[in-house]
Amino acid sequence: MNEKCPNCLSVRVGKNNYGKKTAGVVGASAGTYGGYAAATAGAQAGAALGILAGPVGATVGGIGGAVIGALLGGATGASAGVILGDVLDERVLDNYHCLDCGYSFGEDPNSQGG
């Protein structure tokens, strides 16, 4: 997309992407917590059954499961957050800024639909 500044008509235009950055961090945090909480609950149940294999095996398996759950939850949450943030940037926020005059503006409504 070749945006022009509506203020000075410069073609030197940058993108802020504040929504994408913020929603990505929030999504990653929420996903990490949710993944860790779910994996911890599963690890506790697995550890209770894993006592039959020995306490060391149950502990290592439980910690490993919690870490993997947190990582997978964080990656999933970050992906969802970035998608939401991209929509916010393009539709709601003034995502563009002119590198010449400093003016901030959103997507040109006349550029849609083509």
Protein backbone atom coordinates (compact mmCIF):
# COMPACT_ATOMS: atom_id res chain seq x y z
CA MET A 1 0.00 0.00 0.00
CA ASN A 2 1.45 3.35 -1.05
CA GLU A 3 0.18 5.84 1.54
CA LYS A 4 0.65 9.58 1.24
CA CYS A 5 0.53 12.04 4.09
CA PRO A 6 -2.78 13.94 3.90
CA ASN A 7 -1.08 16.94 5.50
CA CYS A 8 2.02 17.49 3.31
CA LEU A 9 1.51 14.80 0.58
CA SER A 10 4.87 13.20 1.36
CA VAL A 11 5.29 9.54 0.45
CA ARG A 12 7.71 9.04 3.36
CA VAL A 13 5.19 7.38 5.67
CA GLY A 14 5.87 4.94 8.53
CA LYS A 15 3.65 2.62 10.57
CA ASN A 16 3.38 2.70 14.37
CA ASN A 17 1.81 -0.77 14.92
CA TYR A 18 1.01 0.06 18.55
CA GLY A 19 -2.08 -2.17 18.57
CA LYS A 20 -0.18 -5.15 17.18
CA LYS A 21 2.66 -4.77 19.68
CA THR A 22 0.43 -4.24 22.71
CA ALA A 23 -2.09 -6.96 21.89
CA GLY A 24 0.74 -9.38 21.10
CA VAL A 25 2.31 -8.87 24.54
CA VAL A 26 -1.04 -9.12 26.33
CA GLY A 27 -1.97 -12.23 24.35
CA ALA A 28 1.39 -13.87 25.05
CA SER A 29 1.09 -13.11 28.77
CA ALA A 30 -2.45 -14.43 29.02
CA GLY A 31 -1.63 -17.48 26.91
CA THR A 32 1.46 -18.27 28.98
CA TYR A 33 -0.49 -18.05 32.23
CA GLY A 34 -3.37 -20.12 30.86
CA GLY A 35 -1.06 -22.74 29.38
CA TYR A 36 0.95 -22.96 32.60
CA ALA A 37 -2.17 -23.23 34.76
CA ALA A 38 -3.65 -25.99 32.60
CA ALA A 39 -0.35 -27.86 32.39
CA THR A 40 0.22 -27.55 36.13
CA ALA A 41 -3.17 -29.06 36.86
CA GLY A 42 -2.42 -31.89 34.45
CA ALA A 43 1.07 -32.32 35.90
CA GLN A 44 -0.32 -32.63 39.43
CA ALA A 45 -2.65 -35.38 38.32
CA GLY A 46 0.16 -37.05 36.37
CA ALA A 47 2.52 -36.76 39.32
CA ALA A 48 0.00 -38.46 41.57
CA LEU A 49 -0.13 -41.39 39.16
CA GLY A 50 3.59 -41.16 38.41
CA ILE A 51 4.53 -41.92 42.02
CA LEU A 52 4.30 -45.54 40.95
CA ALA A 53 7.32 -44.91 38.65
CA GLY A 54 9.21 -43.10 41.37
CA PRO A 55 9.26 -39.56 42.80
CA VAL A 56 12.04 -38.29 40.52
CA GLY A 57 10.22 -39.32 37.35
CA ALA A 58 7.01 -37.72 38.55
CA THR A 59 8.75 -34.44 39.42
CA VAL A 60 10.67 -34.16 36.14
CA GLY A 61 7.59 -35.04 34.09
CA GLY A 62 5.45 -32.54 35.97
CA ILE A 63 7.90 -29.65 35.56
CA GLY A 64 8.48 -30.46 31.90
CA GLY A 65 4.77 -30.57 31.20
CA ALA A 66 4.18 -27.22 32.90
CA VAL A 67 6.99 -25.54 30.94
CA ILE A 68 5.85 -26.95 27.60
CA GLY A 69 2.24 -25.96 28.35
CA ALA A 70 3.30 -22.41 29.20
CA LEU A 71 5.38 -22.09 26.01
CA LEU A 72 2.61 -23.41 23.78
CA GLY A 73 0.01 -21.23 25.50
CA GLY A 74 2.24 -18.17 25.13
CA ALA A 75 2.83 -18.77 21.43
CA THR A 76 -0.88 -19.29 20.79
CA GLY A 77 -1.84 -16.21 22.79
CA ALA A 78 0.77 -14.05 21.05
CA SER A 79 -0.48 -15.14 17.62
CA ALA A 80 -4.07 -14.31 18.49
CA GLY A 81 -3.02 -10.98 20.01
CA VAL A 82 -1.03 -9.96 16.93
CA ILE A 83 -4.01 -10.71 14.67
CA LEU A 84 -6.34 -8.65 16.86
CA GLY A 85 -3.77 -5.85 17.14
CA ASP A 86 -3.36 -5.71 13.36
CA VAL A 87 -7.10 -5.17 12.97
CA LEU A 88 -7.00 -2.42 15.61
CA ASP A 89 -4.06 -0.74 13.86
CA GLU A 90 -5.72 -0.75 10.45
CA ARG A 91 -9.31 0.07 11.45
CA VAL A 92 -9.26 2.03 14.72
CA LEU A 93 -5.92 3.66 15.49
CA ASP A 94 -4.00 6.34 13.60
CA ASN A 95 -1.37 3.81 12.57
CA TYR A 96 0.53 5.89 10.01
CA HIS A 97 2.88 8.79 10.65
CA CYS A 98 4.61 11.11 8.22
CA LEU A 99 8.39 11.01 8.45
CA ASP A 100 8.62 14.56 7.04
CA CYS A 101 6.04 16.60 8.96
CA GLY A 102 5.23 14.22 11.88
CA TYR A 103 1.47 14.12 11.18
CA SER A 104 -0.35 10.95 12.38
CA PHE A 105 -3.29 9.56 10.42
CA GLY A 106 -5.33 6.41 9.86
CA GLU A 107 -6.10 4.46 6.73
CA ASP A 108 -7.51 6.57 3.91
CA PRO A 109 -11.22 5.68 3.64
CA ASN A 110 -11.07 6.37 -0.13
CA SER A 111 -8.40 3.67 -0.61
CA GLN A 112 -10.73 0.83 0.53
CA GLY A 113 -12.68 -1.39 -1.77
CA GLY A 114 -10.19 -1.56 -4.62
